[in-house]
């Protein structure tokens, strides 16, 4: 791929197919907002919360860095990706659109430094 835009488009198509297949296999009921993903300090959507809109990426400032424990992903997106390090540095984990993630997992709890919500 020649440009970042081509990469992002291919990335979005790949995850859209993956989430459609996963949604058929699970019985998850989404409560997420349409165009924003919500990030919470505590598991099960507790504590302080902040939002990030679709087609946005953010290196978390000190107040939010290494604080996220749960999230709700935007319904009208191609997924929400979290990164262990700032500037989209690996490792990363992608969550499907329109899902409530009550706990990001033991390896990711209070470790997220960058978030991206795909268009």
PDB file of N, CA and C in Angstrom:
ATOM      1  N   UNK A   1       0.841  -1.168   0.000  1.00  0.00           N
ATOM      2  CA  UNK A   1       0.000   0.000   0.000  1.00  0.00           C
ATOM      3  C   UNK A   1       0.885   1.230   0.000  1.00  0.00           C
ATOM      4  N   UNK A   2       0.465   2.208  -0.784  1.00  0.00           N
ATOM      5  CA  UNK A   2       1.306   3.371  -0.980  1.00  0.00           C
ATOM      6  C   UNK A   2       1.074   4.489   0.020  1.00  0.00           C
ATOM      7  N   UNK A   3      -0.138   4.648   0.484  1.00  0.00           N
ATOM      8  CA  UNK A   3      -0.415   5.779   1.365  1.00  0.00           C
ATOM      9  C   UNK A   3      -1.075   5.310   2.659  1.00  0.00           C
ATOM     10  N   UNK A   4      -1.024   6.184   3.640  1.00  0.00           N
ATOM     11  CA  UNK A   4      -1.670   5.911   4.920  1.00  0.00           C
ATOM     12  C   UNK A   4      -3.179   5.759   4.723  1.00  0.00           C
ATOM     13  N   UNK A   5      -3.765   6.545   3.839  1.00  0.00           N
ATOM     14  CA  UNK A   5      -5.204   6.467   3.571  1.00  0.00           C
ATOM     15  C   UNK A   5      -5.585   5.090   3.028  1.00  0.00           C
ATOM     16  N   UNK A   6      -4.799   4.541   2.098  1.00  0.00           N
ATOM     17  CA  UNK A   6      -5.060   3.206   1.563  1.00  0.00           C
ATOM     18  C   UNK A   6      -4.971   2.163   2.675  1.00  0.00           C
ATOM     19  N   UNK A   7      -3.967   2.314   3.526  1.00  0.00           N
ATOM     20  CA  UNK A   7      -3.818   1.389   4.651  1.00  0.00           C
ATOM     21  C   UNK A   7      -5.045   1.455   5.557  1.00  0.00           C
ATOM     22  N   UNK A   8      -5.469   2.663   5.920  1.00  0.00           N
ATOM     23  CA  UNK A   8      -6.610   2.814   6.822  1.00  0.00           C
ATOM     24  C   UNK A   8      -7.887   2.255   6.209  1.00  0.00           C
ATOM     25  N   UNK A   9      -8.093   2.457   4.907  1.00  0.00           N
ATOM     26  CA  UNK A   9      -9.273   1.901   4.244  1.00  0.00           C
ATOM     27  C   UNK A   9      -9.254   0.376   4.251  1.00  0.00           C
ATOM     28  N   UNK A  10      -8.106  -0.224   3.952  1.00  0.00           N
ATOM     29  CA  UNK A  10      -7.977  -1.683   3.972  1.00  0.00           C
ATOM     30  C   UNK A  10      -8.175  -2.209   5.392  1.00  0.00           C
ATOM     31  N   UNK A  11      -7.624  -1.510   6.342  1.00  0.00           N
ATOM     32  CA  UNK A  11      -7.745  -1.884   7.753  1.00  0.00           C
ATOM     33  C   UNK A  11      -9.212  -1.886   8.167  1.00  0.00           C
ATOM     34  N   UNK A  12      -9.941  -0.831   7.804  1.00  0.00           N
ATOM     35  CA  UNK A  12     -11.355  -0.713   8.161  1.00  0.00           C
ATOM     36  C   UNK A  12     -12.179  -1.831   7.522  1.00  0.00           C
ATOM     37  N   UNK A  13     -11.928  -2.142   6.241  1.00  0.00           N
ATOM     38  CA  UNK A  13     -12.673  -3.224   5.567  1.00  0.00           C
ATOM     39  C   UNK A  13     -12.411  -4.566   6.250  1.00  0.00           C
ATOM     40  N   UNK A  14     -11.163  -4.821   6.613  1.00  0.00           N
ATOM     41  CA  UNK A  14     -10.810  -6.080   7.275  1.00  0.00           C
ATOM     42  C   UNK A  14     -11.574  -6.235   8.588  1.00  0.00           C
ATOM     43  N   UNK A  15     -11.579  -5.186   9.395  1.00  0.00           N
ATOM     44  CA  UNK A  15     -12.238  -5.294  10.684  1.00  0.00           C
ATOM     45  C   UNK A  15     -13.754  -5.323  10.557  1.00  0.00           C
ATOM     46  N   UNK A  16     -14.325  -4.634   9.581  1.00  0.00           N
ATOM     47  CA  UNK A  16     -15.771  -4.668   9.389  1.00  0.00           C
ATOM     48  C   UNK A  16     -16.236  -6.100   9.131  1.00  0.00           C
ATOM     49  N   UNK A  17     -15.518  -6.840   8.276  1.00  0.00           N
ATOM     50  CA  UNK A  17     -15.864  -8.239   8.004  1.00  0.00           C
ATOM     51  C   UNK A  17     -15.705  -9.092   9.249  1.00  0.00           C
ATOM     52  N   UNK A  18     -14.626  -8.852   9.967  1.00  0.00           N
ATOM     53  CA  UNK A  18     -14.367  -9.622  11.189  1.00  0.00           C
ATOM     54  C   UNK A  18     -15.479  -9.411  12.214  1.00  0.00           C
ATOM     55  N   UNK A  19     -15.922  -8.159  12.413  1.00  0.00           N
ATOM     56  CA  UNK A  19     -16.939  -7.878  13.424  1.00  0.00           C
ATOM     57  C   UNK A  19     -18.300  -8.419  13.003  1.00  0.00           C
ATOM     58  N   UNK A  20     -18.613  -8.394  11.710  1.00  0.00           N
ATOM     59  CA  UNK A  20     -19.881  -8.956  11.263  1.00  0.00           C
ATOM     60  C   UNK A  20     -19.937 -10.446  11.588  1.00  0.00           C
ATOM     61  N   UNK A  21     -18.845 -11.158  11.338  1.00  0.00           N
ATOM     62  CA  UNK A  21     -18.788 -12.589  11.649  1.00  0.00           C
ATOM     63  C   UNK A  21     -18.873 -12.817  13.147  1.00  0.00           C
ATOM     64  N   UNK A  22     -18.180 -11.991  13.927  1.00  0.00           N
ATOM     65  CA  UNK A  22     -18.188 -12.156  15.374  1.00  0.00           C
ATOM     66  C   UNK A  22     -19.568 -11.871  15.952  1.00  0.00           C
ATOM     67  N   UNK A  23     -20.274 -10.869  15.431  1.00  0.00           N
ATOM     68  CA  UNK A  23     -21.591 -10.525  15.943  1.00  0.00           C
ATOM     69  C   UNK A  23     -22.565 -11.682  15.769  1.00  0.00           C
ATOM     70  N   UNK A  24     -22.418 -12.466  14.702  1.00  0.00           N
ATOM     71  CA  UNK A  24     -23.282 -13.617  14.480  1.00  0.00           C
ATOM     72  C   UNK A  24     -23.008 -14.727  15.482  1.00  0.00           C
ATOM     73  N   UNK A  25     -21.770 -14.775  15.990  1.00  0.00           N
ATOM     74  CA  UNK A  25     -21.368 -15.846  16.899  1.00  0.00           C
ATOM     75  C   UNK A  25     -21.641 -15.526  18.360  1.00  0.00           C
ATOM     76  N   UNK A  26     -21.885 -14.271  18.689  1.00  0.00           N
ATOM     77  CA  UNK A  26     -22.058 -13.881  20.093  1.00  0.00           C
ATOM     78  C   UNK A  26     -23.445 -13.305  20.308  1.00  0.00           C
ATOM     79  N   UNK A  27     -23.796 -13.142  21.561  1.00  0.00           N
ATOM     80  CA  UNK A  27     -25.066 -12.545  21.928  1.00  0.00           C
ATOM     81  C   UNK A  27     -24.802 -11.287  22.751  1.00  0.00           C
ATOM     82  N   UNK A  28     -23.981 -10.389  22.208  1.00  0.00           N
ATOM     83  CA  UNK A  28     -23.661  -9.152  22.898  1.00  0.00           C
ATOM     84  C   UNK A  28     -24.717  -8.109  22.561  1.00  0.00           C
ATOM     85  N   UNK A  29     -25.122  -7.345  23.543  1.00  0.00           N
ATOM     86  CA  UNK A  29     -26.102  -6.289  23.334  1.00  0.00           C
ATOM     87  C   UNK A  29     -25.431  -4.948  23.584  1.00  0.00           C
ATOM     88  N   UNK A  30     -25.370  -4.136  22.577  1.00  0.00           N
ATOM     89  CA  UNK A  30     -24.638  -2.872  22.656  1.00  0.00           C
ATOM     90  C   UNK A  30     -25.486  -1.767  23.254  1.00  0.00           C
ATOM     91  N   UNK A  31     -24.846  -0.933  24.046  1.00  0.00           N
ATOM     92  CA  UNK A  31     -25.450   0.273  24.582  1.00  0.00           C
ATOM     93  C   UNK A  31     -24.621   1.495  24.210  1.00  0.00           C
ATOM     94  N   UNK A  32     -23.639   1.324  23.368  1.00  0.00           N
ATOM     95  CA  UNK A  32     -22.703   2.389  23.016  1.00  0.00           C
ATOM     96  C   UNK A  32     -23.408   3.510  22.250  1.00  0.00           C
ATOM     97  N   UNK A  33     -22.770   4.667  22.258  1.00  0.00           N
ATOM     98  CA  UNK A  33     -23.241   5.811  21.486  1.00  0.00           C
ATOM     99  C   UNK A  33     -23.043   5.556  19.991  1.00  0.00           C
ATOM    100  N   UNK A  34     -23.706   6.331  19.156  1.00  0.00           N
ATOM    101  CA  UNK A  34     -23.605   6.140  17.719  1.00  0.00           C
ATOM    102  C   UNK A  34     -22.255   6.550  17.152  1.00  0.00           C
ATOM    103  N   UNK A  35     -21.754   7.733  17.495  1.00  0.00           N
ATOM    104  CA  UNK A  35     -20.568   8.277  16.839  1.00  0.00           C
ATOM    105  C   UNK A  35     -19.407   8.573  17.782  1.00  0.00           C
ATOM    106  N   UNK A  36     -19.469   8.117  19.002  1.00  0.00           N
ATOM    107  CA  UNK A  36     -18.351   8.291  19.938  1.00  0.00           C
ATOM    108  C   UNK A  36     -18.104   7.001  20.700  1.00  0.00           C
ATOM    109  N   UNK A  37     -16.856   6.756  21.014  1.00  0.00           N
ATOM    110  CA  UNK A  37     -16.507   5.676  21.934  1.00  0.00           C
ATOM    111  C   UNK A  37     -16.288   6.307  23.304  1.00  0.00           C
ATOM    112  N   UNK A  38     -16.694   5.599  24.334  1.00  0.00           N
ATOM    113  CA  UNK A  38     -16.573   6.089  25.704  1.00  0.00           C
ATOM    114  C   UNK A  38     -15.563   5.230  26.447  1.00  0.00           C
ATOM    115  N   UNK A  39     -14.701   5.861  27.209  1.00  0.00           N
ATOM    116  CA  UNK A  39     -13.630   5.184  27.933  1.00  0.00           C
ATOM    117  C   UNK A  39     -13.792   5.471  29.427  1.00  0.00           C
ATOM    118  N   UNK A  40     -13.688   4.429  30.248  1.00  0.00           N
ATOM    119  CA  UNK A  40     -13.954   4.551  31.678  1.00  0.00           C
ATOM    120  C   UNK A  40     -12.736   4.144  32.507  1.00  0.00           C
ATOM    121  N   UNK A  41     -12.581   4.823  33.645  1.00  0.00           N
ATOM    122  CA  UNK A  41     -11.459   4.541  34.542  1.00  0.00           C
ATOM    123  C   UNK A  41     -11.576   3.186  35.232  1.00  0.00           C
ATOM    124  N   UNK A  42     -12.791   2.726  35.481  1.00  0.00           N
ATOM    125  CA  UNK A  42     -12.986   1.484  36.232  1.00  0.00           C
ATOM    126  C   UNK A  42     -13.724   0.446  35.393  1.00  0.00           C
ATOM    127  N   UNK A  43     -13.609  -0.794  35.789  1.00  0.00           N
ATOM    128  CA  UNK A  43     -14.331  -1.890  35.128  1.00  0.00           C
ATOM    129  C   UNK A  43     -15.833  -1.651  35.250  1.00  0.00           C
ATOM    130  N   UNK A  44     -16.576  -2.235  34.335  1.00  0.00           N
ATOM    131  CA  UNK A  44     -18.040  -2.148  34.305  1.00  0.00           C
ATOM    132  C   UNK A  44     -18.539  -0.708  34.245  1.00  0.00           C
ATOM    133  N   UNK A  45     -17.780   0.144  33.514  1.00  0.00           N
ATOM    134  CA  UNK A  45     -18.194   1.496  33.167  1.00  0.00           C
ATOM    135  C   UNK A  45     -18.324   2.417  34.379  1.00  0.00           C
ATOM    136  N   UNK A  46     -17.441   2.234  35.329  1.00  0.00           N
ATOM    137  CA  UNK A  46     -17.446   3.072  36.522  1.00  0.00           C
ATOM    138  C   UNK A  46     -16.354   4.128  36.501  1.00  0.00           C
ATOM    139  N   UNK A  47     -16.472   5.063  37.407  1.00  0.00           N
ATOM    140  CA  UNK A  47     -15.460   6.099  37.554  1.00  0.00           C
ATOM    141  C   UNK A  47     -15.540   7.150  36.464  1.00  0.00           C
ATOM    142  N   UNK A  48     -14.491   7.917  36.346  1.00  0.00           N
ATOM    143  CA  UNK A  48     -14.418   8.995  35.374  1.00  0.00           C
ATOM    144  C   UNK A  48     -14.538   8.448  33.953  1.00  0.00           C
ATOM    145  N   UNK A  49     -15.180   9.215  33.058  1.00  0.00           N
ATOM    146  CA  UNK A  49     -15.381   8.789  31.673  1.00  0.00           C
ATOM    147  C   UNK A  49     -15.001   9.928  30.737  1.00  0.00           C
ATOM    148  N   UNK A  50     -14.407   9.589  29.587  1.00  0.00           N
ATOM    149  CA  UNK A  50     -14.205  10.564  28.523  1.00  0.00           C
ATOM    150  C   UNK A  50     -14.603   9.922  27.205  1.00  0.00           C
ATOM    151  N   UNK A  51     -14.848  10.755  26.185  1.00  0.00           N
ATOM    152  CA  UNK A  51     -15.318  10.284  24.885  1.00  0.00           C
ATOM    153  C   UNK A  51     -14.342  10.680  23.784  1.00  0.00           C
ATOM    154  N   UNK A  52     -14.361   9.887  22.705  1.00  0.00           N
ATOM    155  CA  UNK A  52     -13.592  10.225  21.512  1.00  0.00           C
ATOM    156  C   UNK A  52     -14.464   9.904  20.305  1.00  0.00           C
ATOM    157  N   UNK A  53     -14.595  10.852  19.388  1.00  0.00           N
ATOM    158  CA  UNK A  53     -15.460  10.707  18.227  1.00  0.00           C
ATOM    159  C   UNK A  53     -14.874   9.826  17.139  1.00  0.00           C
ATOM    160  N   UNK A  54     -15.755   9.415  16.232  1.00  0.00           N
ATOM    161  CA  UNK A  54     -15.371   8.592  15.089  1.00  0.00           C
ATOM    162  C   UNK A  54     -14.359   9.346  14.229  1.00  0.00           C
ATOM    163  N   UNK A  55     -13.397   8.601  13.698  1.00  0.00           N
ATOM    164  CA  UNK A  55     -12.338   9.117  12.835  1.00  0.00           C
ATOM    165  C   UNK A  55     -11.382  10.035  13.589  1.00  0.00           C
ATOM    166  N   UNK A  56     -11.190   9.734  14.886  1.00  0.00           N
ATOM    167  CA  UNK A  56     -10.274  10.506  15.720  1.00  0.00           C
ATOM    168  C   UNK A  56      -9.266   9.571  16.372  1.00  0.00           C
ATOM    169  N   UNK A  57      -8.092  10.111  16.663  1.00  0.00           N
ATOM    170  CA  UNK A  57      -7.049   9.385  17.377  1.00  0.00           C
ATOM    171  C   UNK A  57      -6.473  10.330  18.421  1.00  0.00           C
ATOM    172  N   UNK A  58      -6.031   9.770  19.559  1.00  0.00           N
ATOM    173  CA  UNK A  58      -5.583  10.625  20.646  1.00  0.00           C
ATOM    174  C   UNK A  58      -4.523   9.937  21.481  1.00  0.00           C
ATOM    175  N   UNK A  59      -3.374  10.608  21.628  1.00  0.00           N
ATOM    176  CA  UNK A  59      -2.402  10.206  22.643  1.00  0.00           C
ATOM    177  C   UNK A  59      -2.938  10.734  23.964  1.00  0.00           C
ATOM    178  N   UNK A  60      -3.147   9.854  24.908  1.00  0.00           N
ATOM    179  CA  UNK A  60      -3.776  10.271  26.153  1.00  0.00           C
ATOM    180  C   UNK A  60      -2.833  11.133  26.985  1.00  0.00           C
ATOM    181  N   UNK A  61      -3.320  12.290  27.461  1.00  0.00           N
ATOM    182  CA  UNK A  61      -2.493  13.117  28.338  1.00  0.00           C
ATOM    183  C   UNK A  61      -2.354  12.458  29.712  1.00  0.00           C
ATOM    184  N   UNK A  62      -1.495  12.998  30.507  1.00  0.00           N
ATOM    185  CA  UNK A  62      -1.167  12.401  31.812  1.00  0.00           C
ATOM    186  C   UNK A  62      -2.403  12.047  32.641  1.00  0.00           C
ATOM    187  N   UNK A  63      -3.418  12.893  32.642  1.00  0.00           N
ATOM    188  CA  UNK A  63      -4.609  12.655  33.457  1.00  0.00           C
ATOM    189  C   UNK A  63      -5.362  11.389  33.053  1.00  0.00           C
ATOM    190  N   UNK A  64      -5.265  10.989  31.774  1.00  0.00           N
ATOM    191  CA  UNK A  64      -5.997   9.824  31.279  1.00  0.00           C
ATOM    192  C   UNK A  64      -5.102   8.623  31.006  1.00  0.00           C
ATOM    193  N   UNK A  65      -3.819   8.860  30.875  1.00  0.00           N
ATOM    194  CA  UNK A  65      -2.868   7.805  30.501  1.00  0.00           C
ATOM    195  C   UNK A  65      -2.836   6.692  31.544  1.00  0.00           C
ATOM    196  N   UNK A  66      -2.854   5.466  31.069  1.00  0.00           N
ATOM    197  CA  UNK A  66      -2.795   4.284  31.940  1.00  0.00           C
ATOM    198  C   UNK A  66      -3.915   4.270  32.988  1.00  0.00           C
ATOM    199  N   UNK A  67      -5.131   4.630  32.561  1.00  0.00           N
ATOM    200  CA  UNK A  67      -6.273   4.667  33.474  1.00  0.00           C
ATOM    201  C   UNK A  67      -7.463   3.839  33.000  1.00  0.00           C
ATOM    202  N   UNK A  68      -7.538   3.475  31.737  1.00  0.00           N
ATOM    203  CA  UNK A  68      -8.742   2.869  31.167  1.00  0.00           C
ATOM    204  C   UNK A  68      -8.898   1.412  31.597  1.00  0.00           C
ATOM    205  N   UNK A  69     -10.115   1.071  32.032  1.00  0.00           N
ATOM    206  CA  UNK A  69     -10.435  -0.305  32.412  1.00  0.00           C
ATOM    207  C   UNK A  69     -11.618  -0.876  31.637  1.00  0.00           C
ATOM    208  N   UNK A  70     -12.483  -0.018  31.087  1.00  0.00           N
ATOM    209  CA  UNK A  70     -13.628  -0.494  30.311  1.00  0.00           C
ATOM    210  C   UNK A  70     -13.968   0.562  29.262  1.00  0.00           C
ATOM    211  N   UNK A  71     -14.731   0.139  28.235  1.00  0.00           N
ATOM    212  CA  UNK A  71     -15.105   1.071  27.185  1.00  0.00           C
ATOM    213  C   UNK A  71     -16.368   0.628  26.476  1.00  0.00           C
ATOM    214  N   UNK A  72     -17.003   1.604  25.822  1.00  0.00           N
ATOM    215  CA  UNK A  72     -18.147   1.365  24.953  1.00  0.00           C
ATOM    216  C   UNK A  72     -17.756   1.912  23.595  1.00  0.00           C
ATOM    217  N   UNK A  73     -17.826   1.073  22.568  1.00  0.00           N
ATOM    218  CA  UNK A  73     -17.356   1.480  21.255  1.00  0.00           C
ATOM    219  C   UNK A  73     -18.489   2.086  20.416  1.00  0.00           C
ATOM    220  N   UNK A  74     -18.136   3.063  19.596  1.00  0.00           N
ATOM    221  CA  UNK A  74     -19.112   3.755  18.747  1.00  0.00           C
ATOM    222  C   UNK A  74     -19.804   2.766  17.815  1.00  0.00           C
ATOM    223  N   UNK A  75     -21.133   2.864  17.715  1.00  0.00           N
ATOM    224  CA  UNK A  75     -21.902   1.964  16.848  1.00  0.00           C
ATOM    225  C   UNK A  75     -21.544   2.152  15.388  1.00  0.00           C
ATOM    226  N   UNK A  76     -21.475   3.411  14.945  1.00  0.00           N
ATOM    227  CA  UNK A  76     -21.226   3.693  13.536  1.00  0.00           C
ATOM    228  C   UNK A  76     -19.749   3.988  13.320  1.00  0.00           C
ATOM    229  N   UNK A  77     -18.966   2.958  13.481  1.00  0.00           N
ATOM    230  CA  UNK A  77     -17.520   3.035  13.280  1.00  0.00           C
ATOM    231  C   UNK A  77     -17.069   1.699  12.711  1.00  0.00           C
ATOM    232  N   UNK A  78     -15.765   1.578  12.487  1.00  0.00           N
ATOM    233  CA  UNK A  78     -15.202   0.302  12.048  1.00  0.00           C
ATOM    234  C   UNK A  78     -14.455  -0.375  13.183  1.00  0.00           C
ATOM    235  N   UNK A  79     -14.640   0.127  14.387  1.00  0.00           N
ATOM    236  CA  UNK A  79     -13.983  -0.439  15.557  1.00  0.00           C
ATOM    237  C   UNK A  79     -13.193   0.623  16.306  1.00  0.00           C
ATOM    238  N   UNK A  80     -12.793   0.270  17.510  1.00  0.00           N
ATOM    239  CA  UNK A  80     -11.993   1.147  18.357  1.00  0.00           C
ATOM    240  C   UNK A  80     -10.730   0.398  18.726  1.00  0.00           C
ATOM    241  N   UNK A  81      -9.601   1.035  18.499  1.00  0.00           N
ATOM    242  CA  UNK A  81      -8.313   0.392  18.749  1.00  0.00           C
ATOM    243  C   UNK A  81      -7.608   1.122  19.890  1.00  0.00           C
ATOM    244  N   UNK A  82      -7.033   0.334  20.794  1.00  0.00           N
ATOM    245  CA  UNK A  82      -6.268   0.886  21.912  1.00  0.00           C
ATOM    246  C   UNK A  82      -4.823   0.417  21.790  1.00  0.00           C
ATOM    247  N   UNK A  83      -3.928   1.266  22.239  1.00  0.00           N
ATOM    248  CA  UNK A  83      -2.504   0.969  22.145  1.00  0.00           C
ATOM    249  C   UNK A  83      -1.861   1.055  23.524  1.00  0.00           C
ATOM    250  N   UNK A  84      -0.929   0.180  23.750  1.00  0.00           N
ATOM    251  CA  UNK A  84      -0.189   0.127  25.001  1.00  0.00           C
ATOM    252  C   UNK A  84       0.710   1.350  25.142  1.00  0.00           C
ATOM    253  N   UNK A  85       1.207   1.866  24.025  1.00  0.00           N
ATOM    254  CA  UNK A  85       2.136   3.002  24.030  1.00  0.00           C
ATOM    255  C   UNK A  85       1.571   4.151  23.198  1.00  0.00           C
ATOM    256  N   UNK A  86       2.076   5.352  23.442  1.00  0.00           N
ATOM    257  CA  UNK A  86       1.652   6.540  22.702  1.00  0.00           C
ATOM    258  C   UNK A  86       2.067   6.435  21.234  1.00  0.00           C
ATOM    259  N   UNK A  87       1.479   7.302  20.411  1.00  0.00           N
ATOM    260  CA  UNK A  87       1.790   7.403  18.983  1.00  0.00           C
ATOM    261  C   UNK A  87       1.500   6.121  18.202  1.00  0.00           C
ATOM    262  N   UNK A  88       0.465   5.409  18.615  1.00  0.00           N
ATOM    263  CA  UNK A  88       0.015   4.188  17.929  1.00  0.00           C
ATOM    264  C   UNK A  88       1.103   3.126  17.873  1.00  0.00           C
ATOM    265  N   UNK A  89       1.903   3.048  18.915  1.00  0.00           N
ATOM    266  CA  UNK A  89       2.965   2.034  18.970  1.00  0.00           C
ATOM    267  C   UNK A  89       2.403   0.741  19.541  1.00  0.00           C
ATOM    268  N   UNK A  90       2.777  -0.354  18.942  1.00  0.00           N
ATOM    269  CA  UNK A  90       2.329  -1.686  19.351  1.00  0.00           C
ATOM    270  C   UNK A  90       2.770  -1.977  20.777  1.00  0.00           C
ATOM    271  N   UNK A  91       2.127  -2.890  21.443  1.00  0.00           N
ATOM    272  CA  UNK A  91       1.014  -3.710  20.970  1.00  0.00           C
ATOM    273  C   UNK A  91      -0.303  -2.928  20.956  1.00  0.00           C
ATOM    274  N   UNK A  92      -1.258  -3.473  20.212  1.00  0.00           N
ATOM    275  CA  UNK A  92      -2.575  -2.849  20.131  1.00  0.00           C
ATOM    276  C   UNK A  92      -3.654  -3.929  20.233  1.00  0.00           C
ATOM    277  N   UNK A  93      -4.858  -3.471  20.518  1.00  0.00           N
ATOM    278  CA  UNK A  93      -6.005  -4.373  20.623  1.00  0.00           C
ATOM    279  C   UNK A  93      -7.194  -3.635  20.020  1.00  0.00           C
ATOM    280  N   UNK A  94      -7.955  -4.309  19.151  1.00  0.00           N
ATOM    281  CA  UNK A  94      -9.091  -3.676  18.482  1.00  0.00           C
ATOM    282  C   UNK A  94     -10.388  -4.306  18.977  1.00  0.00           C
ATOM    283  N   UNK A  95     -11.346  -3.436  19.293  1.00  0.00           N
ATOM    284  CA  UNK A  95     -12.662  -3.872  19.762  1.00  0.00           C
ATOM    285  C   UNK A  95     -13.698  -3.568  18.682  1.00  0.00           C
ATOM    286  N   UNK A  96     -14.707  -4.422  18.526  1.00  0.00           N
ATOM    287  CA  UNK A  96     -15.708  -4.235  17.474  1.00  0.00           C
ATOM    288  C   UNK A  96     -16.599  -3.019  17.725  1.00  0.00           C
ATOM    289  N   UNK A  97     -17.227  -2.497  16.681  1.00  0.00           N
ATOM    290  CA  UNK A  97     -18.129  -1.352  16.853  1.00  0.00           C
ATOM    291  C   UNK A  97     -19.404  -1.753  17.588  1.00  0.00           C
ATOM    292  N   UNK A  98     -19.934  -0.793  18.357  1.00  0.00           N
ATOM    293  CA  UNK A  98     -21.222  -0.978  19.013  1.00  0.00           C
ATOM    294  C   UNK A  98     -21.250  -2.009  20.113  1.00  0.00           C
ATOM    295  N   UNK A  99     -20.158  -2.161  20.846  1.00  0.00           N
ATOM    296  CA  UNK A  99     -20.118  -3.134  21.939  1.00  0.00           C
ATOM    297  C   UNK A  99     -19.684  -2.485  23.241  1.00  0.00           C
ATOM    298  N   UNK A 100     -20.183  -3.038  24.315  1.00  0.00           N
ATOM    299  CA  UNK A 100     -19.779  -2.619  25.646  1.00  0.00           C
ATOM    300  C   UNK A 100     -18.740  -3.610  26.155  1.00  0.00           C
ATOM    301  N   UNK A 101     -17.561  -3.117  26.470  1.00  0.00           N
ATOM    302  CA  UNK A 101     -16.473  -3.959  26.955  1.00  0.00           C
ATOM    303  C   UNK A 101     -16.319  -3.636  28.434  1.00  0.00           C
ATOM    304  N   UNK A 102     -16.876  -4.486  29.300  1.00  0.00           N
ATOM    305  CA  UNK A 102     -16.879  -4.234  30.746  1.00  0.00           C
ATOM    306  C   UNK A 102     -15.512  -4.313  31.388  1.00  0.00           C
ATOM    307  N   UNK A 103     -14.579  -4.960  30.722  1.00  0.00           N
ATOM    308  CA  UNK A 103     -13.213  -5.055  31.248  1.00  0.00           C
ATOM    309  C   UNK A 103     -12.284  -5.316  30.075  1.00  0.00           C
ATOM    310  N   UNK A 104     -11.249  -4.525  29.928  1.00  0.00           N
ATOM    311  CA  UNK A 104     -10.361  -4.634  28.772  1.00  0.00           C
ATOM    312  C   UNK A 104      -9.413  -5.822  28.851  1.00  0.00           C
ATOM    313  N   UNK A 105      -9.315  -6.456  29.992  1.00  0.00           N
ATOM    314  CA  UNK A 105      -8.452  -7.625  30.149  1.00  0.00           C
ATOM    315  C   UNK A 105      -7.285  -7.335  31.075  1.00  0.00           C
ATOM    316  N   UNK A 106      -6.784  -8.382  31.704  1.00  0.00           N
ATOM    317  CA  UNK A 106      -5.716  -8.212  32.698  1.00  0.00           C
ATOM    318  C   UNK A 106      -4.474  -7.543  32.131  1.00  0.00           C
ATOM    319  N   UNK A 107      -4.069  -7.893  30.933  1.00  0.00           N
ATOM    320  CA  UNK A 107      -2.873  -7.305  30.356  1.00  0.00           C
ATOM    321  C   UNK A 107      -3.045  -5.861  29.898  1.00  0.00           C
ATOM    322  N   UNK A 108      -4.287  -5.413  29.760  1.00  0.00           N
ATOM    323  CA  UNK A 108      -4.568  -4.073  29.244  1.00  0.00           C
ATOM    324  C   UNK A 108      -5.105  -3.113  30.293  1.00  0.00           C
ATOM    325  N   UNK A 109      -5.583  -3.619  31.390  1.00  0.00           N
ATOM    326  CA  UNK A 109      -6.160  -2.773  32.435  1.00  0.00           C
ATOM    327  C   UNK A 109      -5.139  -1.741  32.916  1.00  0.00           C
ATOM    328  N   UNK A 110      -5.523  -0.474  32.874  1.00  0.00           N
ATOM    329  CA  UNK A 110      -4.674   0.642  33.324  1.00  0.00           C
ATOM    330  C   UNK A 110      -3.329   0.689  32.599  1.00  0.00           C
ATOM    331  N   UNK A 111      -3.319   0.335  31.300  1.00  0.00           N
ATOM    332  CA  UNK A 111      -2.084   0.345  30.514  1.00  0.00           C
ATOM    333  C   UNK A 111      -2.219   1.095  29.189  1.00  0.00           C
ATOM    334  N   UNK A 112      -3.394   1.573  28.847  1.00  0.00           N
ATOM    335  CA  UNK A 112      -3.653   2.163  27.529  1.00  0.00           C
ATOM    336  C   UNK A 112      -3.152   3.611  27.468  1.00  0.00           C
ATOM    337  N   UNK A 113      -2.377   3.913  26.404  1.00  0.00           N
ATOM    338  CA  UNK A 113      -1.791   5.248  26.253  1.00  0.00           C
ATOM    339  C   UNK A 113      -2.246   5.974  24.989  1.00  0.00           C
ATOM    340  N   UNK A 114      -2.913   5.281  24.073  1.00  0.00           N
ATOM    341  CA  UNK A 114      -3.394   5.896  22.836  1.00  0.00           C
ATOM    342  C   UNK A 114      -4.684   5.191  22.421  1.00  0.00           C
ATOM    343  N   UNK A 115      -5.641   5.954  21.903  1.00  0.00           N
ATOM    344  CA  UNK A 115      -6.904   5.375  21.427  1.00  0.00           C
ATOM    345  C   UNK A 115      -7.223   5.921  20.038  1.00  0.00           C
ATOM    346  N   UNK A 116      -7.805   5.067  19.193  1.00  0.00           N
ATOM    347  CA  UNK A 116      -8.236   5.442  17.854  1.00  0.00           C
ATOM    348  C   UNK A 116      -9.640   4.884  17.629  1.00  0.00           C
ATOM    349  N   UNK A 117     -10.536   5.734  17.120  1.00  0.00           N
ATOM    350  CA  UNK A 117     -11.877   5.291  16.744  1.00  0.00           C
ATOM    351  C   UNK A 117     -11.957   5.401  15.219  1.00  0.00           C
ATOM    352  N   UNK A 118     -12.058   4.261  14.556  1.00  0.00           N
ATOM    353  CA  UNK A 118     -12.068   4.229  13.091  1.00  0.00           C
ATOM    354  C   UNK A 118     -13.393   4.674  12.521  1.00  0.00           C
ATOM    355  N   UNK A 119     -13.344   5.269  11.345  1.00  0.00           N
ATOM    356  CA  UNK A 119     -14.536   5.734  10.646  1.00  0.00           C
ATOM    357  C   UNK A 119     -15.356   4.580  10.180  1.00  0.00           C
TER     358      UNK A 119
END
